[in-house]
Amino acid sequence: MTRRTRRTLFIVLGVLLLLGVAIFLRAKAPPEAARLLPESDGILYANLKPVRTFLHSNGGPLVTPTQRDPEYAEFVNATGIDWERDLDELAIALHKMPDPNGPNGQVAYSMVMVGQLHGNTLTSYLTAHGAKTETYAAHTVYSLPSEGRTVRVAQIGYDMVAVSNYPTAEMIHSIIDRHRAAALPFSGSTLLTHHYSEVPLLSIAWGVGQIGLPFSESGKVHVLGLQLPIPADTTIVASARWTGSVHIRVEAMTPDDTTALNEAAQISSLLTLARTITPQLTQEQSPNGQLNKALVEVLNTANITTRKDRVICTAALNSSAF
């Protein structure tokens, strides 16, 4: 082998090695939609493609055209966009509001939506319904009034839309700024930097941070009418993975090992109570009958454990539940 051939071979191997490293880093990085979110108290993400495939193969769409809210039906007719059919990814940032009695309530949100979004028809709809517009970094931001709040919307890519009802334009501006730097695989908010590595690989839906905030009341998290023994500002890492069935894992961080043991015991007691009062849900013949059946299966398979200062809840959901 000549020196020239060896040098060429080394160059090719070097390029392949760098390419492999880049692919590995990209695979370990959070999804782009989540990386675009601004600083927040909590983040929720869902890859809706496998979820939609799973649900539709087990009974069709969740909402039929006749069940749609009139305002949403108008949106679908005007834009051709049906979120159940066309939305592929959804990333939501939760912002805790200092005044829970204000127009945003306890939590404001900022979202990045990815999917089959029709730019021209969506732009026409936003133009017709927007109270005002602004141009920021070459993007048009539409401001839409909604129940005493302002919802800001911007199309930041051919398949990507940003939405925020934060009181100021700060959050949607941040999303647009991050979109311009999206090529950096580890760019993203502080929450992602600190906690995304704890999300199990191949999770189709996950949440990190204070994701109990939307369910909070008087500083506690309420689920199914039951008050959980954890503060609303508890840092939580939750995930759902598909491995033939849906595996759910929720990990709550507590101040110390003793607190974790106490909270786990209280949650186990509440779980036992919930199991005794929900069996009748599987018998209901209603639009929510299938969802109720899934809820009962999650409760029956739930298991509470601890690991040092963390409370861990796991559960499983088989396709038969749908």
C-alpha atoms as a PDB file:
ATOM      1  CA  MET A   1       0.000   0.000   0.000  1.00  0.00           C
ATOM      2  CA  THR A   2       1.440   3.330  -1.051  1.00  0.00           C
ATOM      3  CA  ARG A   3       1.784   6.305   1.256  1.00  0.00           C
ATOM      4  CA  ARG A   4      -0.842   8.164  -0.740  1.00  0.00           C
ATOM      5  CA  THR A   5      -3.304   5.283  -0.440  1.00  0.00           C
ATOM      6  CA  ARG A   6      -2.696   5.009   3.304  1.00  0.00           C
ATOM      7  CA  ARG A   7      -3.278   8.723   3.741  1.00  0.00           C
ATOM      8  CA  THR A   8      -6.532   8.534   1.790  1.00  0.00           C
ATOM      9  CA  LEU A   9      -7.622   5.549   3.856  1.00  0.00           C
ATOM     10  CA  PHE A  10      -6.879   7.390   7.110  1.00  0.00           C
ATOM     11  CA  ILE A  11      -8.867  10.404   5.912  1.00  0.00           C
ATOM     12  CA  VAL A  12     -11.858   8.220   4.994  1.00  0.00           C
ATOM     13  CA  LEU A  13     -11.707   6.396   8.340  1.00  0.00           C
ATOM     14  CA  GLY A  14     -11.463   9.718  10.170  1.00  0.00           C
ATOM     15  CA  VAL A  15     -14.514  11.070   8.372  1.00  0.00           C
ATOM     16  CA  LEU A  16     -16.472   7.884   9.099  1.00  0.00           C
ATOM     17  CA  LEU A  17     -15.469   8.065  12.770  1.00  0.00           C
ATOM     18  CA  LEU A  18     -16.589  11.689  13.062  1.00  0.00           C
ATOM     19  CA  LEU A  19     -19.836  10.843  11.287  1.00  0.00           C
ATOM     20  CA  GLY A  20     -20.445   7.966  13.690  1.00  0.00           C
ATOM     21  CA  VAL A  21     -19.800  10.199  16.697  1.00  0.00           C
ATOM     22  CA  ALA A  22     -22.158  12.857  15.303  1.00  0.00           C
ATOM     23  CA  ILE A  23     -24.918  10.271  14.758  1.00  0.00           C
ATOM     24  CA  PHE A  24     -24.409   8.913  18.284  1.00  0.00           C
ATOM     25  CA  LEU A  25     -24.571  12.374  19.837  1.00  0.00           C
ATOM     26  CA  ARG A  26     -27.675  13.239  17.852  1.00  0.00           C
ATOM     27  CA  ALA A  27     -29.356   9.993  18.980  1.00  0.00           C
ATOM     28  CA  LYS A  28     -28.585  10.834  22.631  1.00  0.00           C
ATOM     29  CA  ALA A  29     -29.827  14.415  22.302  1.00  0.00           C
ATOM     30  CA  PRO A  30     -33.398  15.419  23.163  1.00  0.00           C
ATOM     31  CA  PRO A  31     -35.834  15.711  20.223  1.00  0.00           C
ATOM     32  CA  GLU A  32     -35.549  18.991  18.374  1.00  0.00           C
ATOM     33  CA  ALA A  33     -39.062  20.081  19.356  1.00  0.00           C
ATOM     34  CA  ALA A  34     -38.084  19.800  23.044  1.00  0.00           C
ATOM     35  CA  ARG A  35     -34.735  21.543  22.517  1.00  0.00           C
ATOM     36  CA  LEU A  36     -36.537  24.563  21.098  1.00  0.00           C
ATOM     37  CA  LEU A  37     -38.576  25.135  24.261  1.00  0.00           C
ATOM     38  CA  PRO A  38     -37.670  28.123  26.464  1.00  0.00           C
ATOM     39  CA  GLU A  39     -36.617  27.957  30.104  1.00  0.00           C
ATOM     40  CA  SER A  40     -39.496  26.568  32.138  1.00  0.00           C
ATOM     41  CA  ASP A  41     -40.577  24.745  35.297  1.00  0.00           C
ATOM     42  CA  GLY A  42     -41.598  21.573  33.501  1.00  0.00           C
ATOM     43  CA  ILE A  43     -41.462  19.931  30.073  1.00  0.00           C
ATOM     44  CA  LEU A  44     -43.813  17.392  28.474  1.00  0.00           C
ATOM     45  CA  TYR A  45     -43.072  15.634  25.177  1.00  0.00           C
ATOM     46  CA  ALA A  46     -44.919  13.069  23.063  1.00  0.00           C
ATOM     47  CA  ASN A  47     -44.042  11.369  19.794  1.00  0.00           C
ATOM     48  CA  LEU A  48     -47.571  10.930  18.499  1.00  0.00           C
ATOM     49  CA  LYS A  49     -46.816   8.787  15.439  1.00  0.00           C
ATOM     50  CA  PRO A  50     -46.564   5.463  17.323  1.00  0.00           C
ATOM     51  CA  VAL A  51     -49.347   6.539  19.693  1.00  0.00           C
ATOM     52  CA  ARG A  52     -51.663   7.287  16.769  1.00  0.00           C
ATOM     53  CA  THR A  53     -50.793   4.012  15.044  1.00  0.00           C
ATOM     54  CA  PHE A  54     -51.454   2.090  18.260  1.00  0.00           C
ATOM     55  CA  LEU A  55     -54.784   3.769  19.015  1.00  0.00           C
ATOM     56  CA  HIS A  56     -56.136   3.669  15.471  1.00  0.00           C
ATOM     57  CA  SER A  57     -55.298  -0.015  15.109  1.00  0.00           C
ATOM     58  CA  ASN A  58     -57.375  -0.651  18.216  1.00  0.00           C
ATOM     59  CA  GLY A  59     -60.593   1.139  17.453  1.00  0.00           C
ATOM     60  CA  GLY A  60     -60.151   4.138  15.182  1.00  0.00           C
ATOM     61  CA  PRO A  61     -59.930   7.857  15.981  1.00  0.00           C
ATOM     62  CA  LEU A  62     -60.587   9.086  19.511  1.00  0.00           C
ATOM     63  CA  VAL A  63     -62.827  11.928  18.351  1.00  0.00           C
ATOM     64  CA  THR A  64     -65.212  11.764  15.401  1.00  0.00           C
ATOM     65  CA  PRO A  65     -66.101  14.891  13.377  1.00  0.00           C
ATOM     66  CA  THR A  66     -69.546  15.038  15.026  1.00  0.00           C
ATOM     67  CA  GLN A  67     -67.943  15.173  18.491  1.00  0.00           C
ATOM     68  CA  ARG A  68     -65.716  18.154  17.749  1.00  0.00           C
ATOM     69  CA  ASP A  69     -66.049  21.437  19.543  1.00  0.00           C
ATOM     70  CA  PRO A  70     -67.639  23.959  17.124  1.00  0.00           C
ATOM     71  CA  GLU A  71     -64.653  26.312  17.371  1.00  0.00           C
ATOM     72  CA  TYR A  72     -62.236  23.460  16.617  1.00  0.00           C
ATOM     73  CA  ALA A  73     -64.443  22.231  13.762  1.00  0.00           C
ATOM     74  CA  GLU A  74     -64.210  25.732  12.254  1.00  0.00           C
ATOM     75  CA  PHE A  75     -60.403  25.561  12.544  1.00  0.00           C
ATOM     76  CA  VAL A  76     -60.277  22.156  10.806  1.00  0.00           C
ATOM     77  CA  ASN A  77     -62.556  23.314   8.001  1.00  0.00           C
ATOM     78  CA  ALA A  78     -60.565  26.516   7.459  1.00  0.00           C
ATOM     79  CA  THR A  79     -57.043  25.062   7.581  1.00  0.00           C
ATOM     80  CA  GLY A  80     -57.424  21.399   6.667  1.00  0.00           C
ATOM     81  CA  ILE A  81     -55.409  20.590   9.807  1.00  0.00           C
ATOM     82  CA  ASP A  82     -56.761  17.968  12.192  1.00  0.00           C
ATOM     83  CA  TRP A  83     -54.419  17.698  15.166  1.00  0.00           C
ATOM     84  CA  GLU A  84     -55.382  14.072  15.841  1.00  0.00           C
ATOM     85  CA  ARG A  85     -54.436  13.104  12.294  1.00  0.00           C
ATOM     86  CA  ASP A  86     -51.692  15.578  11.396  1.00  0.00           C
ATOM     87  CA  LEU A  87     -49.732  16.244  14.593  1.00  0.00           C
ATOM     88  CA  ASP A  88     -46.593  14.063  14.839  1.00  0.00           C
ATOM     89  CA  GLU A  89     -44.740  15.576  17.808  1.00  0.00           C
ATOM     90  CA  LEU A  90     -45.750  17.822  20.666  1.00  0.00           C
ATOM     91  CA  ALA A  91     -43.405  19.482  23.181  1.00  0.00           C
ATOM     92  CA  ILE A  92     -44.833  21.662  25.960  1.00  0.00           C
ATOM     93  CA  ALA A  93     -43.037  23.932  28.429  1.00  0.00           C
ATOM     94  CA  LEU A  94     -44.897  24.696  31.676  1.00  0.00           C
ATOM     95  CA  HIS A  95     -44.411  28.107  33.298  1.00  0.00           C
ATOM     96  CA  LYS A  96     -45.528  28.569  36.904  1.00  0.00           C
ATOM     97  CA  MET A  97     -47.426  31.830  37.301  1.00  0.00           C
ATOM     98  CA  PRO A  98     -46.759  34.042  40.347  1.00  0.00           C
ATOM     99  CA  ASP A  99     -50.472  34.893  40.591  1.00  0.00           C
ATOM    100  CA  PRO A 100     -52.626  31.725  40.345  1.00  0.00           C
ATOM    101  CA  ASN A 101     -55.723  33.945  40.222  1.00  0.00           C
ATOM    102  CA  GLY A 102     -54.533  35.794  37.119  1.00  0.00           C
ATOM    103  CA  PRO A 103     -55.799  35.186  33.560  1.00  0.00           C
ATOM    104  CA  ASN A 104     -53.282  32.345  33.032  1.00  0.00           C
ATOM    105  CA  GLY A 105     -54.216  30.564  36.246  1.00  0.00           C
ATOM    106  CA  GLN A 106     -51.466  28.551  37.903  1.00  0.00           C
ATOM    107  CA  VAL A 107     -49.605  27.603  34.730  1.00  0.00           C
ATOM    108  CA  ALA A 108     -48.878  29.159  31.361  1.00  0.00           C
ATOM    109  CA  TYR A 109     -47.539  27.102  28.491  1.00  0.00           C
ATOM    110  CA  SER A 110     -45.301  27.322  25.461  1.00  0.00           C
ATOM    111  CA  MET A 111     -45.517  24.633  22.779  1.00  0.00           C
ATOM    112  CA  VAL A 112     -43.723  23.400  19.696  1.00  0.00           C
ATOM    113  CA  MET A 113     -45.850  21.299  17.355  1.00  0.00           C
ATOM    114  CA  VAL A 114     -44.465  19.247  14.476  1.00  0.00           C
ATOM    115  CA  GLY A 115     -46.491  17.577  11.742  1.00  0.00           C
ATOM    116  CA  GLN A 116     -48.355  17.953   8.479  1.00  0.00           C
ATOM    117  CA  LEU A 117     -49.041  21.654   8.855  1.00  0.00           C
ATOM    118  CA  HIS A 118     -50.355  23.485   5.815  1.00  0.00           C
ATOM    119  CA  GLY A 119     -48.565  26.820   5.764  1.00  0.00           C
ATOM    120  CA  ASN A 120     -50.797  28.855   3.459  1.00  0.00           C
ATOM    121  CA  THR A 121     -54.144  27.854   4.936  1.00  0.00           C
ATOM    122  CA  LEU A 122     -52.819  28.190   8.487  1.00  0.00           C
ATOM    123  CA  THR A 123     -51.426  31.644   7.714  1.00  0.00           C
ATOM    124  CA  SER A 124     -54.783  32.711   6.263  1.00  0.00           C
ATOM    125  CA  TYR A 125     -56.578  31.513   9.394  1.00  0.00           C
ATOM    126  CA  LEU A 126     -54.155  33.268  11.738  1.00  0.00           C
ATOM    127  CA  THR A 127     -54.357  36.480   9.705  1.00  0.00           C
ATOM    128  CA  ALA A 128     -58.153  36.408   9.878  1.00  0.00           C
ATOM    129  CA  HIS A 129     -58.307  35.708  13.620  1.00  0.00           C
ATOM    130  CA  GLY A 130     -55.235  37.518  14.941  1.00  0.00           C
ATOM    131  CA  ALA A 131     -55.788  40.767  16.808  1.00  0.00           C
ATOM    132  CA  LYS A 132     -52.327  41.996  15.867  1.00  0.00           C
ATOM    133  CA  THR A 133     -48.982  40.794  14.510  1.00  0.00           C
ATOM    134  CA  GLU A 134     -45.322  41.499  15.015  1.00  0.00           C
ATOM    135  CA  THR A 135     -42.241  40.522  13.062  1.00  0.00           C
ATOM    136  CA  TYR A 136     -39.443  38.931  15.069  1.00  0.00           C
ATOM    137  CA  ALA A 137     -36.272  37.497  13.488  1.00  0.00           C
ATOM    138  CA  ALA A 138     -38.016  37.318  10.088  1.00  0.00           C
ATOM    139  CA  HIS A 139     -40.989  35.394  11.545  1.00  0.00           C
ATOM    140  CA  THR A 140     -44.522  36.717  11.870  1.00  0.00           C
ATOM    141  CA  VAL A 141     -45.944  36.304  15.378  1.00  0.00           C
ATOM    142  CA  TYR A 142     -49.749  36.362  15.506  1.00  0.00           C
ATOM    143  CA  SER A 143     -51.523  37.416  18.720  1.00  0.00           C
ATOM    144  CA  LEU A 144     -54.935  35.805  19.212  1.00  0.00           C
ATOM    145  CA  PRO A 145     -57.291  36.701  22.094  1.00  0.00           C
ATOM    146  CA  SER A 146     -58.461  33.692  24.098  1.00  0.00           C
ATOM    147  CA  GLU A 147     -60.484  33.776  27.331  1.00  0.00           C
ATOM    148  CA  GLY A 148     -58.862  36.919  28.671  1.00  0.00           C
ATOM    149  CA  ARG A 149     -55.370  35.850  27.582  1.00  0.00           C
ATOM    150  CA  THR A 150     -53.230  36.404  24.522  1.00  0.00           C
ATOM    151  CA  VAL A 151     -52.083  33.334  22.610  1.00  0.00           C
ATOM    152  CA  ARG A 152     -49.103  33.964  20.349  1.00  0.00           C
ATOM    153  CA  VAL A 153     -48.517  31.732  17.315  1.00  0.00           C
ATOM    154  CA  ALA A 154     -45.628  31.617  14.845  1.00  0.00           C
ATOM    155  CA  GLN A 155     -44.829  29.188  12.054  1.00  0.00           C
ATOM    156  CA  ILE A 156     -41.094  28.603  12.492  1.00  0.00           C
ATOM    157  CA  GLY A 157     -40.621  25.884   9.874  1.00  0.00           C
ATOM    158  CA  TYR A 158     -42.515  24.209   7.047  1.00  0.00           C
ATOM    159  CA  ASP A 159     -43.710  21.527   9.487  1.00  0.00           C
ATOM    160  CA  MET A 160     -43.293  23.332  12.807  1.00  0.00           C
ATOM    161  CA  VAL A 161     -45.466  25.798  14.744  1.00  0.00           C
ATOM    162  CA  ALA A 162     -44.734  27.561  18.048  1.00  0.00           C
ATOM    163  CA  VAL A 163     -47.521  28.596  20.430  1.00  0.00           C
ATOM    164  CA  SER A 164     -47.398  30.371  23.797  1.00  0.00           C
ATOM    165  CA  ASN A 165     -49.928  31.945  26.139  1.00  0.00           C
ATOM    166  CA  TYR A 166     -47.236  33.398  28.408  1.00  0.00           C
ATOM    167  CA  PRO A 167     -48.198  36.978  29.359  1.00  0.00           C
ATOM    168  CA  THR A 168     -45.345  38.484  27.334  1.00  0.00           C
ATOM    169  CA  ALA A 169     -43.731  37.630  23.980  1.00  0.00           C
ATOM    170  CA  GLU A 170     -40.520  36.562  25.743  1.00  0.00           C
ATOM    171  CA  MET A 171     -41.139  32.809  25.460  1.00  0.00           C
ATOM    172  CA  ILE A 172     -42.136  32.634  21.822  1.00  0.00           C
ATOM    173  CA  HIS A 173     -39.164  34.872  20.972  1.00  0.00           C
ATOM    174  CA  SER A 174     -36.940  32.374  22.789  1.00  0.00           C
ATOM    175  CA  ILE A 175     -38.341  29.495  20.708  1.00  0.00           C
ATOM    176  CA  ILE A 176     -37.609  31.381  17.498  1.00  0.00           C
ATOM    177  CA  ASP A 177     -34.061  32.169  18.694  1.00  0.00           C
ATOM    178  CA  ARG A 178     -33.434  28.518  19.605  1.00  0.00           C
ATOM    179  CA  HIS A 179     -34.736  27.408  16.213  1.00  0.00           C
ATOM    180  CA  ARG A 180     -31.946  29.370  14.559  1.00  0.00           C
ATOM    181  CA  ALA A 181     -29.401  27.431  16.674  1.00  0.00           C
ATOM    182  CA  ALA A 182     -31.144  24.041  16.471  1.00  0.00           C
ATOM    183  CA  ALA A 183     -28.188  22.348  14.766  1.00  0.00           C
ATOM    184  CA  LEU A 184     -26.405  22.118  18.135  1.00  0.00           C
ATOM    185  CA  PRO A 185     -27.353  18.648  19.445  1.00  0.00           C
ATOM    186  CA  PHE A 186     -27.155  19.541  23.129  1.00  0.00           C
ATOM    187  CA  SER A 187     -28.706  22.992  22.978  1.00  0.00           C
ATOM    188  CA  GLY A 188     -31.817  23.342  25.070  1.00  0.00           C
ATOM    189  CA  SER A 189     -33.133  24.466  28.414  1.00  0.00           C
ATOM    190  CA  THR A 190     -31.612  23.904  31.835  1.00  0.00           C
ATOM    191  CA  LEU A 191     -34.200  21.206  32.588  1.00  0.00           C
ATOM    192  CA  LEU A 192     -33.142  19.163  29.573  1.00  0.00           C
ATOM    193  CA  THR A 193     -29.479  19.550  30.456  1.00  0.00           C
ATOM    194  CA  HIS A 194     -30.045  18.300  34.008  1.00  0.00           C
ATOM    195  CA  HIS A 195     -32.682  15.607  33.564  1.00  0.00           C
ATOM    196  CA  TYR A 196     -33.079  14.348  29.984  1.00  0.00           C
ATOM    197  CA  SER A 197     -30.343  11.744  30.549  1.00  0.00           C
ATOM    198  CA  GLU A 198     -32.692  10.147  33.123  1.00  0.00           C
ATOM    199  CA  VAL A 199     -35.435   9.566  30.559  1.00  0.00           C
ATOM    200  CA  PRO A 200     -35.381   5.878  29.486  1.00  0.00           C
ATOM    201  CA  LEU A 201     -34.188   5.242  25.938  1.00  0.00           C
ATOM    202  CA  LEU A 202     -36.902   4.891  23.278  1.00  0.00           C
ATOM    203  CA  SER A 203     -39.573   6.611  25.366  1.00  0.00           C
ATOM    204  CA  ILE A 204     -42.458   7.734  23.144  1.00  0.00           C
ATOM    205  CA  ALA A 205     -43.678  10.204  25.774  1.00  0.00           C
ATOM    206  CA  TRP A 206     -41.942  11.772  28.759  1.00  0.00           C
ATOM    207  CA  GLY A 207     -41.951  14.655  31.166  1.00  0.00           C
ATOM    208  CA  VAL A 208     -39.311  16.279  33.361  1.00  0.00           C
ATOM    209  CA  GLY A 209     -39.416  18.976  36.030  1.00  0.00           C
ATOM    210  CA  GLN A 210     -42.448  20.227  37.929  1.00  0.00           C
ATOM    211  CA  ILE A 211     -44.911  18.442  35.675  1.00  0.00           C
ATOM    212  CA  GLY A 212     -47.435  18.104  38.496  1.00  0.00           C
ATOM    213  CA  LEU A 213     -48.203  21.840  38.264  1.00  0.00           C
ATOM    214  CA  PRO A 214     -51.296  21.494  36.001  1.00  0.00           C
ATOM    215  CA  PHE A 215     -52.799  19.106  38.568  1.00  0.00           C
ATOM    216  CA  SER A 216     -51.921  21.193  41.611  1.00  0.00           C
ATOM    217  CA  GLU A 217     -54.310  22.670  44.127  1.00  0.00           C
ATOM    218  CA  SER A 218     -53.304  24.360  47.370  1.00  0.00           C
ATOM    219  CA  GLY A 219     -49.708  23.346  46.771  1.00  0.00           C
ATOM    220  CA  LYS A 220     -50.450  19.617  46.350  1.00  0.00           C
ATOM    221  CA  VAL A 221     -50.917  17.378  43.303  1.00  0.00           C
ATOM    222  CA  HIS A 222     -54.417  15.990  42.775  1.00  0.00           C
ATOM    223  CA  VAL A 223     -55.097  13.002  40.496  1.00  0.00           C
ATOM    224  CA  LEU A 224     -58.508  11.330  40.077  1.00  0.00           C
ATOM    225  CA  GLY A 225     -59.786  13.415  42.969  1.00  0.00           C
ATOM    226  CA  LEU A 226     -57.097  12.099  45.309  1.00  0.00           C
ATOM    227  CA  GLN A 227     -54.446  14.312  46.875  1.00  0.00           C
ATOM    228  CA  LEU A 228     -50.982  12.858  46.450  1.00  0.00           C
ATOM    229  CA  PRO A 229     -48.516  13.388  49.322  1.00  0.00           C
ATOM    230  CA  ILE A 230     -46.056  15.300  47.147  1.00  0.00           C
ATOM    231  CA  PRO A 231     -45.675  19.080  46.709  1.00  0.00           C
ATOM    232  CA  ALA A 232     -46.662  20.515  43.342  1.00  0.00           C
ATOM    233  CA  ASP A 233     -43.095  21.772  42.808  1.00  0.00           C
ATOM    234  CA  THR A 234     -41.580  18.261  43.159  1.00  0.00           C
ATOM    235  CA  THR A 235     -39.148  17.436  40.357  1.00  0.00           C
ATOM    236  CA  ILE A 236     -40.463  14.414  38.475  1.00  0.00           C
ATOM    237  CA  VAL A 237     -39.119  12.314  35.599  1.00  0.00           C
ATOM    238  CA  ALA A 238     -41.957  10.409  33.900  1.00  0.00           C
ATOM    239  CA  SER A 239     -41.899   8.277  30.764  1.00  0.00           C
ATOM    240  CA  ALA A 240     -43.865   5.831  28.643  1.00  0.00           C
ATOM    241  CA  ARG A 241     -42.132   3.216  26.454  1.00  0.00           C
ATOM    242  CA  TRP A 242     -43.618   0.800  23.935  1.00  0.00           C
ATOM    243  CA  THR A 243     -42.239  -2.772  24.061  1.00  0.00           C
ATOM    244  CA  GLY A 244     -45.297  -4.724  22.970  1.00  0.00           C
ATOM    245  CA  SER A 245     -47.161  -2.970  25.778  1.00  0.00           C
ATOM    246  CA  VAL A 246     -46.869   0.505  27.250  1.00  0.00           C
ATOM    247  CA  HIS A 247     -44.477   0.653  30.211  1.00  0.00           C
ATOM    248  CA  ILE A 248     -45.039   3.687  32.429  1.00  0.00           C
ATOM    249  CA  ARG A 249     -42.463   4.951  34.911  1.00  0.00           C
ATOM    250  CA  VAL A 250     -42.750   7.967  37.214  1.00  0.00           C
ATOM    251  CA  GLU A 251     -39.837   8.954  39.444  1.00  0.00           C
ATOM    252  CA  ALA A 252     -40.304  11.709  42.045  1.00  0.00           C
ATOM    253  CA  MET A 253     -37.342  13.325  43.809  1.00  0.00           C
ATOM    254  CA  THR A 254     -37.720  13.985  47.538  1.00  0.00           C
ATOM    255  CA  PRO A 255     -35.494  15.843  50.053  1.00  0.00           C
ATOM    256  CA  ASP A 256     -34.122  12.659  51.686  1.00  0.00           C
ATOM    257  CA  ASP A 257     -34.464   8.872  52.040  1.00  0.00           C
ATOM    258  CA  THR A 258     -36.888   9.083  54.977  1.00  0.00           C
ATOM    259  CA  THR A 259     -39.234  11.385  53.095  1.00  0.00           C
ATOM    260  CA  ALA A 260     -39.156   9.014  50.132  1.00  0.00           C
ATOM    261  CA  LEU A 261     -40.182   6.071  52.329  1.00  0.00           C
ATOM    262  CA  ASN A 262     -43.021   8.056  53.929  1.00  0.00           C
ATOM    263  CA  GLU A 263     -44.360   9.331  50.612  1.00  0.00           C
ATOM    264  CA  ALA A 264     -44.140   5.847  49.045  1.00  0.00           C
ATOM    265  CA  ALA A 265     -46.188   4.391  51.917  1.00  0.00           C
ATOM    266  CA  GLN A 266     -48.845   7.089  51.576  1.00  0.00           C
ATOM    267  CA  ILE A 267     -49.039   6.682  47.785  1.00  0.00           C
ATOM    268  CA  SER A 268     -49.379   2.898  48.192  1.00  0.00           C
ATOM    269  CA  SER A 269     -52.325   3.457  50.531  1.00  0.00           C
ATOM    270  CA  LEU A 270     -53.969   5.812  48.039  1.00  0.00           C
ATOM    271  CA  LEU A 271     -53.354   3.296  45.258  1.00  0.00           C
ATOM    272  CA  THR A 272     -55.132   0.599  47.266  1.00  0.00           C
ATOM    273  CA  LEU A 273     -58.058   2.976  47.787  1.00  0.00           C
ATOM    274  CA  ALA A 274     -58.202   3.869  44.087  1.00  0.00           C
ATOM    275  CA  ARG A 275     -58.284   0.186  43.136  1.00  0.00           C
ATOM    276  CA  THR A 276     -61.352  -0.367  45.278  1.00  0.00           C
ATOM    277  CA  ILE A 277     -63.391   2.500  43.862  1.00  0.00           C
ATOM    278  CA  THR A 278     -62.618   2.221  40.124  1.00  0.00           C
ATOM    279  CA  PRO A 279     -63.609  -1.323  38.980  1.00  0.00           C
ATOM    280  CA  GLN A 280     -67.059  -0.081  37.981  1.00  0.00           C
ATOM    281  CA  LEU A 281     -65.419   2.159  35.383  1.00  0.00           C
ATOM    282  CA  THR A 282     -64.807  -0.867  33.130  1.00  0.00           C
ATOM    283  CA  GLN A 283     -68.556  -1.447  32.989  1.00  0.00           C
ATOM    284  CA  GLU A 284     -69.434   2.029  31.770  1.00  0.00           C
ATOM    285  CA  GLN A 285     -70.864   2.183  28.260  1.00  0.00           C
ATOM    286  CA  SER A 286     -69.788   5.717  27.405  1.00  0.00           C
ATOM    287  CA  PRO A 287     -67.406   7.570  25.070  1.00  0.00           C
ATOM    288  CA  ASN A 288     -64.819   7.267  27.843  1.00  0.00           C
ATOM    289  CA  GLY A 289     -65.373   3.554  28.399  1.00  0.00           C
ATOM    290  CA  GLN A 290     -62.133   2.466  26.735  1.00  0.00           C
ATOM    291  CA  LEU A 291     -60.102   5.113  28.555  1.00  0.00           C
ATOM    292  CA  ASN A 292     -61.646   4.014  31.836  1.00  0.00           C
ATOM    293  CA  LYS A 293     -60.642   0.423  31.110  1.00  0.00           C
ATOM    294  CA  ALA A 294     -57.084   1.569  30.446  1.00  0.00           C
ATOM    295  CA  LEU A 295     -57.075   3.527  33.713  1.00  0.00           C
ATOM    296  CA  VAL A 296     -58.162   0.472  35.689  1.00  0.00           C
ATOM    297  CA  GLU A 297     -55.398  -1.615  34.112  1.00  0.00           C
ATOM    298  CA  VAL A 298     -52.785   1.021  34.994  1.00  0.00           C
ATOM    299  CA  LEU A 299     -53.993   1.075  38.604  1.00  0.00           C
ATOM    300  CA  ASN A 300     -53.985  -2.734  38.847  1.00  0.00           C
ATOM    301  CA  THR A 301     -50.429  -3.049  37.505  1.00  0.00           C
ATOM    302  CA  ALA A 302     -48.964  -0.076  39.400  1.00  0.00           C
ATOM    303  CA  ASN A 303     -46.101  -0.761  41.786  1.00  0.00           C
ATOM    304  CA  ILE A 304     -44.512   1.700  44.239  1.00  0.00           C
ATOM    305  CA  THR A 305     -40.851   1.404  45.290  1.00  0.00           C
ATOM    306  CA  THR A 306     -38.075   3.695  46.517  1.00  0.00           C
ATOM    307  CA  ARG A 307     -34.425   4.187  45.620  1.00  0.00           C
ATOM    308  CA  LYS A 308     -32.611   6.387  48.104  1.00  0.00           C
ATOM    309  CA  ASP A 309     -34.396   9.760  47.983  1.00  0.00           C
ATOM    310  CA  ARG A 310     -36.653   8.856  45.052  1.00  0.00           C
ATOM    311  CA  VAL A 311     -40.161   7.417  44.905  1.00  0.00           C
ATOM    312  CA  ILE A 312     -40.684   5.257  41.809  1.00  0.00           C
ATOM    313  CA  CYS A 313     -44.021   4.164  40.371  1.00  0.00           C
ATOM    314  CA  THR A 314     -44.187   1.695  37.467  1.00  0.00           C
ATOM    315  CA  ALA A 315     -47.195   0.340  35.591  1.00  0.00           C
ATOM    316  CA  ALA A 316     -48.028  -1.432  32.331  1.00  0.00           C
ATOM    317  CA  LEU A 317     -50.789  -1.085  29.769  1.00  0.00           C
ATOM    318  CA  ASN A 318     -51.523  -3.841  27.240  1.00  0.00           C
ATOM    319  CA  SER A 319     -53.139  -3.214  23.866  1.00  0.00           C
ATOM    320  CA  SER A 320     -56.151  -5.247  25.032  1.00  0.00           C
ATOM    321  CA  ALA A 321     -57.094  -2.290  27.227  1.00  0.00           C
ATOM    322  CA  PHE A 322     -58.123  -0.505  24.045  1.00  0.00           C
END
